[in-house]
Amino acid sequence: MIPPDKHLVYVLGHPEAWRVLAVLDEGPIDRYEQVRKALGMHSQAFQRLLYWMRGYGLVRVRAERTGRGRRGAVPVHLEISQKGRAMLKLLRSLEKEVQGRREELGVRTADLLTTA
């Protein structure tokens, strides 16, 4: 038997990862602190989550290019990767399937990807 893909297992086991992908896919929020605050996560927990998500190639982190010298902190942006977008598509189809079989599965709510 082939073991399940690590990417899928990680994301399915961490609803916060689902929400990060959903927030990044939805749009304008992409700055590190904005995403963290939108999810209401503690800074260290968010760093740990991003460490694994980056390791699995689900998100990318990039520094803002300002075109001039900068003192102090450089703004950091998060981007969803193609693999992350594919994973999100899979998660949304799973959510749709759960929604359709909610009573059968005994699930009270099927709003798995809600970001608020």
N, C-alpha and C. Protein backbone atom coordinates (compact mmCIF):
# COMPACT_ATOMS: atom_id res chain seq x y z
N MET A 1 0.84 -1.18 0.00
CA MET A 1 0.00 0.00 0.00
C MET A 1 0.88 1.24 0.00
N ILE A 2 0.54 2.20 -0.83
CA ILE A 2 1.31 3.45 -0.93
C ILE A 2 0.84 4.40 0.17
N PRO A 3 1.78 4.96 0.93
CA PRO A 3 1.36 5.91 1.98
C PRO A 3 0.80 7.18 1.34
N PRO A 4 -0.13 7.85 2.02
CA PRO A 4 -0.70 9.09 1.47
C PRO A 4 0.37 10.17 1.36
N ASP A 5 0.14 11.07 0.44
CA ASP A 5 1.06 12.18 0.20
C ASP A 5 1.19 13.05 1.45
N LYS A 6 2.44 13.41 1.81
CA LYS A 6 2.68 14.20 3.03
C LYS A 6 2.01 15.56 2.98
N HIS A 7 1.97 16.18 1.78
CA HIS A 7 1.36 17.50 1.64
C HIS A 7 -0.11 17.44 2.03
N LEU A 8 -0.79 16.44 1.50
CA LEU A 8 -2.21 16.28 1.76
C LEU A 8 -2.47 16.00 3.23
N VAL A 9 -1.70 15.10 3.80
CA VAL A 9 -1.87 14.75 5.21
C VAL A 9 -1.66 15.97 6.09
N TYR A 10 -0.62 16.76 5.80
CA TYR A 10 -0.35 17.94 6.62
C TYR A 10 -1.50 18.93 6.55
N VAL A 11 -1.92 19.26 5.33
CA VAL A 11 -2.96 20.27 5.17
C VAL A 11 -4.30 19.79 5.72
N LEU A 12 -4.63 18.52 5.51
CA LEU A 12 -5.88 18.00 6.04
C LEU A 12 -5.88 17.99 7.57
N GLY A 13 -4.71 17.86 8.15
CA GLY A 13 -4.60 17.82 9.60
C GLY A 13 -4.48 19.17 10.26
N HIS A 14 -4.36 20.24 9.49
CA HIS A 14 -4.18 21.58 10.04
C HIS A 14 -5.15 22.57 9.38
N PRO A 15 -6.30 22.79 10.01
CA PRO A 15 -7.27 23.73 9.44
C PRO A 15 -6.69 25.13 9.22
N GLU A 16 -5.67 25.49 10.02
CA GLU A 16 -5.04 26.81 9.84
C GLU A 16 -4.38 26.88 8.47
N ALA A 17 -3.82 25.78 8.00
CA ALA A 17 -3.19 25.74 6.68
C ALA A 17 -4.25 25.95 5.60
N TRP A 18 -5.42 25.37 5.78
CA TRP A 18 -6.52 25.57 4.83
C TRP A 18 -6.85 27.06 4.76
N ARG A 19 -6.94 27.66 5.94
CA ARG A 19 -7.33 29.07 6.00
C ARG A 19 -6.27 29.98 5.39
N VAL A 20 -4.98 29.67 5.59
CA VAL A 20 -3.91 30.47 4.98
C VAL A 20 -4.05 30.43 3.46
N LEU A 21 -4.25 29.23 2.91
CA LEU A 21 -4.41 29.10 1.46
C LEU A 21 -5.62 29.89 0.97
N ALA A 22 -6.73 29.80 1.71
CA ALA A 22 -7.95 30.52 1.30
C ALA A 22 -7.75 32.02 1.35
N VAL A 23 -7.11 32.54 2.40
CA VAL A 23 -6.88 33.98 2.51
C VAL A 23 -5.98 34.47 1.38
N LEU A 24 -4.92 33.74 1.09
CA LEU A 24 -4.00 34.15 0.03
C LEU A 24 -4.65 34.07 -1.34
N ASP A 25 -5.53 33.12 -1.53
CA ASP A 25 -6.21 32.98 -2.82
C ASP A 25 -7.25 34.07 -3.03
N GLU A 26 -7.89 34.51 -1.96
CA GLU A 26 -8.97 35.50 -2.05
C GLU A 26 -8.48 36.87 -2.49
N GLY A 27 -7.26 37.20 -2.14
CA GLY A 27 -6.81 38.48 -2.63
C GLY A 27 -6.25 39.42 -1.63
N PRO A 28 -6.48 40.67 -1.73
CA PRO A 28 -5.48 41.69 -1.48
C PRO A 28 -4.59 41.51 -0.25
N ILE A 29 -5.04 40.75 0.72
CA ILE A 29 -4.21 40.55 1.91
C ILE A 29 -3.10 39.57 1.56
N ASP A 30 -1.86 40.05 1.59
CA ASP A 30 -0.73 39.15 1.34
C ASP A 30 0.48 39.49 2.20
N ARG A 31 0.43 40.62 2.91
CA ARG A 31 1.53 40.95 3.80
C ARG A 31 1.52 40.01 4.99
N TYR A 32 2.69 39.59 5.42
CA TYR A 32 2.86 38.62 6.49
C TYR A 32 1.98 38.95 7.70
N GLU A 33 2.10 40.15 8.22
CA GLU A 33 1.35 40.53 9.43
C GLU A 33 -0.14 40.61 9.17
N GLN A 34 -0.55 41.06 7.99
CA GLN A 34 -1.97 41.13 7.66
C GLN A 34 -2.60 39.74 7.66
N VAL A 35 -1.90 38.79 7.05
CA VAL A 35 -2.41 37.42 6.99
C VAL A 35 -2.49 36.83 8.39
N ARG A 36 -1.43 37.01 9.17
CA ARG A 36 -1.41 36.49 10.53
C ARG A 36 -2.55 37.05 11.36
N LYS A 37 -2.78 38.35 11.26
CA LYS A 37 -3.85 38.99 12.03
C LYS A 37 -5.23 38.58 11.52
N ALA A 38 -5.37 38.41 10.20
CA ALA A 38 -6.65 37.98 9.63
C ALA A 38 -7.04 36.59 10.15
N LEU A 39 -6.04 35.76 10.42
CA LEU A 39 -6.29 34.42 10.94
C LEU A 39 -6.35 34.38 12.46
N GLY A 40 -5.92 35.47 13.10
CA GLY A 40 -5.93 35.53 14.56
C GLY A 40 -4.96 34.56 15.20
N MET A 41 -3.81 34.37 14.57
CA MET A 41 -2.83 33.40 15.07
C MET A 41 -1.70 34.09 15.84
N HIS A 42 -1.18 33.38 16.81
CA HIS A 42 -0.01 33.84 17.55
C HIS A 42 1.19 33.83 16.60
N SER A 43 2.09 34.77 16.77
CA SER A 43 3.23 34.93 15.87
C SER A 43 4.06 33.65 15.72
N GLN A 44 4.38 33.00 16.83
CA GLN A 44 5.21 31.79 16.75
C GLN A 44 4.47 30.63 16.09
N ALA A 45 3.19 30.50 16.36
CA ALA A 45 2.40 29.44 15.73
C ALA A 45 2.32 29.68 14.22
N PHE A 46 2.18 30.95 13.84
CA PHE A 46 2.11 31.30 12.43
C PHE A 46 3.44 31.02 11.73
N GLN A 47 4.55 31.36 12.39
CA GLN A 47 5.88 31.07 11.83
C GLN A 47 6.07 29.57 11.63
N ARG A 48 5.67 28.78 12.59
CA ARG A 48 5.80 27.33 12.52
C ARG A 48 4.95 26.78 11.36
N LEU A 49 3.73 27.28 11.23
CA LEU A 49 2.85 26.86 10.14
C LEU A 49 3.46 27.20 8.79
N LEU A 50 3.97 28.42 8.65
CA LEU A 50 4.59 28.82 7.38
C LEU A 50 5.84 28.01 7.07
N TYR A 51 6.58 27.64 8.11
CA TYR A 51 7.78 26.82 7.92
C TYR A 51 7.41 25.53 7.20
N TRP A 52 6.37 24.85 7.68
CA TRP A 52 5.95 23.59 7.08
C TRP A 52 5.31 23.80 5.73
N MET A 53 4.49 24.83 5.60
CA MET A 53 3.83 25.09 4.32
C MET A 53 4.85 25.44 3.24
N ARG A 54 5.86 26.20 3.61
CA ARG A 54 6.93 26.51 2.65
C ARG A 54 7.71 25.25 2.31
N GLY A 55 7.97 24.42 3.30
CA GLY A 55 8.70 23.18 3.08
C GLY A 55 7.98 22.25 2.12
N TYR A 56 6.67 22.26 2.14
CA TYR A 56 5.88 21.43 1.24
C TYR A 56 5.59 22.15 -0.08
N GLY A 57 6.06 23.37 -0.21
CA GLY A 57 5.89 24.10 -1.47
C GLY A 57 4.48 24.64 -1.69
N LEU A 58 3.74 24.87 -0.60
CA LEU A 58 2.37 25.36 -0.72
C LEU A 58 2.29 26.88 -0.78
N VAL A 59 3.25 27.55 -0.15
CA VAL A 59 3.31 29.02 -0.17
C VAL A 59 4.76 29.45 -0.40
N ARG A 60 4.90 30.69 -0.86
CA ARG A 60 6.21 31.31 -1.03
C ARG A 60 6.25 32.61 -0.23
N VAL A 61 7.43 32.94 0.23
CA VAL A 61 7.63 34.19 0.96
C VAL A 61 8.59 35.04 0.15
N ARG A 62 8.26 36.32 -0.04
CA ARG A 62 9.16 37.20 -0.77
C ARG A 62 9.20 38.57 -0.10
N ALA A 63 10.36 39.20 -0.22
CA ALA A 63 10.52 40.56 0.32
C ALA A 63 10.02 41.56 -0.71
N GLU A 64 9.48 42.64 -0.23
CA GLU A 64 8.99 43.69 -1.12
C GLU A 64 10.16 44.40 -1.78
N ARG A 65 10.04 44.62 -3.06
CA ARG A 65 11.08 45.35 -3.79
C ARG A 65 10.64 46.80 -3.90
N THR A 66 11.37 47.67 -3.23
CA THR A 66 10.98 49.08 -3.21
C THR A 66 11.76 49.89 -4.23
N GLY A 67 12.89 49.39 -4.71
CA GLY A 67 13.68 50.11 -5.69
C GLY A 67 14.59 51.16 -5.07
N ARG A 68 14.60 51.25 -3.77
CA ARG A 68 15.49 52.21 -3.10
C ARG A 68 15.97 51.59 -1.79
N GLY A 69 17.00 52.18 -1.25
CA GLY A 69 17.52 51.70 0.03
C GLY A 69 16.47 51.81 1.11
N ARG A 70 16.54 50.95 2.06
CA ARG A 70 15.51 50.93 3.11
C ARG A 70 16.17 50.68 4.46
N ARG A 71 15.75 51.45 5.42
CA ARG A 71 16.22 51.24 6.79
C ARG A 71 15.14 50.51 7.56
N GLY A 72 15.57 49.63 8.42
CA GLY A 72 14.61 48.91 9.25
C GLY A 72 14.07 47.68 8.55
N ALA A 73 12.89 47.28 8.97
CA ALA A 73 12.28 46.04 8.49
C ALA A 73 11.82 46.16 7.03
N VAL A 74 12.00 45.10 6.30
CA VAL A 74 11.55 45.03 4.92
C VAL A 74 10.19 44.31 4.92
N PRO A 75 9.17 44.89 4.27
CA PRO A 75 7.87 44.22 4.23
C PRO A 75 7.98 42.86 3.54
N VAL A 76 7.35 41.86 4.13
CA VAL A 76 7.38 40.50 3.60
C VAL A 76 5.98 40.14 3.11
N HIS A 77 5.92 39.55 1.92
CA HIS A 77 4.65 39.14 1.32
C HIS A 77 4.59 37.63 1.19
N LEU A 78 3.39 37.09 1.29
CA LEU A 78 3.16 35.66 1.12
C LEU A 78 2.42 35.44 -0.19
N GLU A 79 2.76 34.38 -0.88
CA GLU A 79 2.10 34.04 -2.14
C GLU A 79 1.73 32.56 -2.11
N ILE A 80 0.57 32.26 -2.67
CA ILE A 80 0.17 30.86 -2.80
C ILE A 80 0.85 30.31 -4.05
N SER A 81 1.43 29.12 -3.94
CA SER A 81 2.12 28.51 -5.08
C SER A 81 1.12 27.74 -5.94
N GLN A 82 1.58 27.24 -7.07
CA GLN A 82 0.71 26.43 -7.92
C GLN A 82 0.26 25.18 -7.18
N LYS A 83 1.18 24.58 -6.43
CA LYS A 83 0.86 23.39 -5.64
C LYS A 83 -0.17 23.75 -4.56
N GLY A 84 -0.01 24.91 -3.94
CA GLY A 84 -0.96 25.37 -2.94
C GLY A 84 -2.33 25.63 -3.53
N ARG A 85 -2.35 26.22 -4.74
CA ARG A 85 -3.61 26.49 -5.42
C ARG A 85 -4.32 25.17 -5.77
N ALA A 86 -3.54 24.18 -6.22
CA ALA A 86 -4.12 22.86 -6.53
C ALA A 86 -4.67 22.21 -5.26
N MET A 87 -3.94 22.35 -4.16
CA MET A 87 -4.39 21.79 -2.88
C MET A 87 -5.69 22.48 -2.45
N LEU A 88 -5.77 23.79 -2.62
CA LEU A 88 -6.97 24.54 -2.25
C LEU A 88 -8.16 24.09 -3.10
N LYS A 89 -7.92 23.86 -4.37
CA LYS A 89 -8.98 23.37 -5.26
C LYS A 89 -9.49 22.02 -4.77
N LEU A 90 -8.58 21.15 -4.37
CA LEU A 90 -8.95 19.84 -3.83
C LEU A 90 -9.75 20.00 -2.53
N LEU A 91 -9.29 20.90 -1.66
CA LEU A 91 -9.99 21.12 -0.40
C LEU A 91 -11.39 21.66 -0.62
N ARG A 92 -11.54 22.55 -1.59
CA ARG A 92 -12.87 23.11 -1.88
C ARG A 92 -13.80 22.04 -2.44
N SER A 93 -13.26 21.15 -3.27
CA SER A 93 -14.11 20.07 -3.79
C SER A 93 -14.49 19.12 -2.65
N LEU A 94 -13.57 18.88 -1.72
CA LEU A 94 -13.86 18.06 -0.55
C LEU A 94 -14.93 18.72 0.31
N GLU A 95 -14.82 20.02 0.48
CA GLU A 95 -15.80 20.76 1.27
C GLU A 95 -17.19 20.67 0.63
N LYS A 96 -17.22 20.77 -0.69
CA LYS A 96 -18.49 20.67 -1.41
C LYS A 96 -19.11 19.27 -1.22
N GLU A 97 -18.27 18.25 -1.28
CA GLU A 97 -18.75 16.88 -1.09
C GLU A 97 -19.27 16.68 0.34
N VAL A 98 -18.56 17.22 1.32
CA VAL A 98 -19.00 17.11 2.71
C VAL A 98 -20.33 17.84 2.89
N GLN A 99 -20.47 19.00 2.25
CA GLN A 99 -21.71 19.77 2.34
C GLN A 99 -22.89 18.94 1.83
N GLY A 100 -22.66 18.23 0.74
CA GLY A 100 -23.72 17.42 0.16
C GLY A 100 -24.07 16.19 0.99
N ARG A 101 -23.15 15.72 1.80
CA ARG A 101 -23.38 14.50 2.59
C ARG A 101 -23.34 14.77 4.09
N ARG A 102 -23.65 15.97 4.48
CA ARG A 102 -23.54 16.38 5.87
C ARG A 102 -24.31 15.48 6.83
N GLU A 103 -25.55 15.19 6.50
CA GLU A 103 -26.37 14.35 7.38
C GLU A 103 -25.83 12.92 7.44
N GLU A 104 -25.43 12.39 6.28
CA GLU A 104 -24.86 11.04 6.22
C GLU A 104 -23.62 10.91 7.09
N LEU A 105 -22.79 11.94 7.04
CA LEU A 105 -21.52 11.91 7.76
C LEU A 105 -21.65 12.32 9.22
N GLY A 106 -22.79 12.91 9.57
CA GLY A 106 -22.98 13.36 10.95
C GLY A 106 -22.18 14.60 11.27
N VAL A 107 -21.97 15.44 10.25
CA VAL A 107 -21.20 16.67 10.43
C VAL A 107 -22.17 17.81 10.64
N ARG A 108 -21.96 18.59 11.70
CA ARG A 108 -22.86 19.70 12.00
C ARG A 108 -22.68 20.85 11.02
N THR A 109 -21.44 21.19 10.74
CA THR A 109 -21.16 22.27 9.81
C THR A 109 -20.13 21.82 8.80
N ALA A 110 -20.30 22.25 7.57
CA ALA A 110 -19.35 21.87 6.53
C ALA A 110 -18.58 23.08 6.04
N ASP A 111 -18.59 24.15 6.81
CA ASP A 111 -17.87 25.37 6.44
C ASP A 111 -16.41 25.24 6.86
N LEU A 112 -15.69 24.37 6.20
CA LEU A 112 -14.32 24.06 6.60
C LEU A 112 -13.35 25.19 6.24
N LEU A 113 -13.59 25.89 5.16
CA LEU A 113 -12.64 26.89 4.69
C LEU A 113 -12.98 28.31 5.11
N THR A 114 -13.85 28.48 6.06
CA THR A 114 -14.17 29.83 6.50
C THR A 114 -12.94 30.45 7.14
N THR A 115 -12.68 31.70 6.82
CA THR A 115 -11.47 32.35 7.30
C THR A 115 -11.72 33.21 8.52
N ALA A 116 -12.96 33.46 8.85
CA ALA A 116 -13.24 34.32 10.00
C ALA A 116 -13.50 33.49 11.24
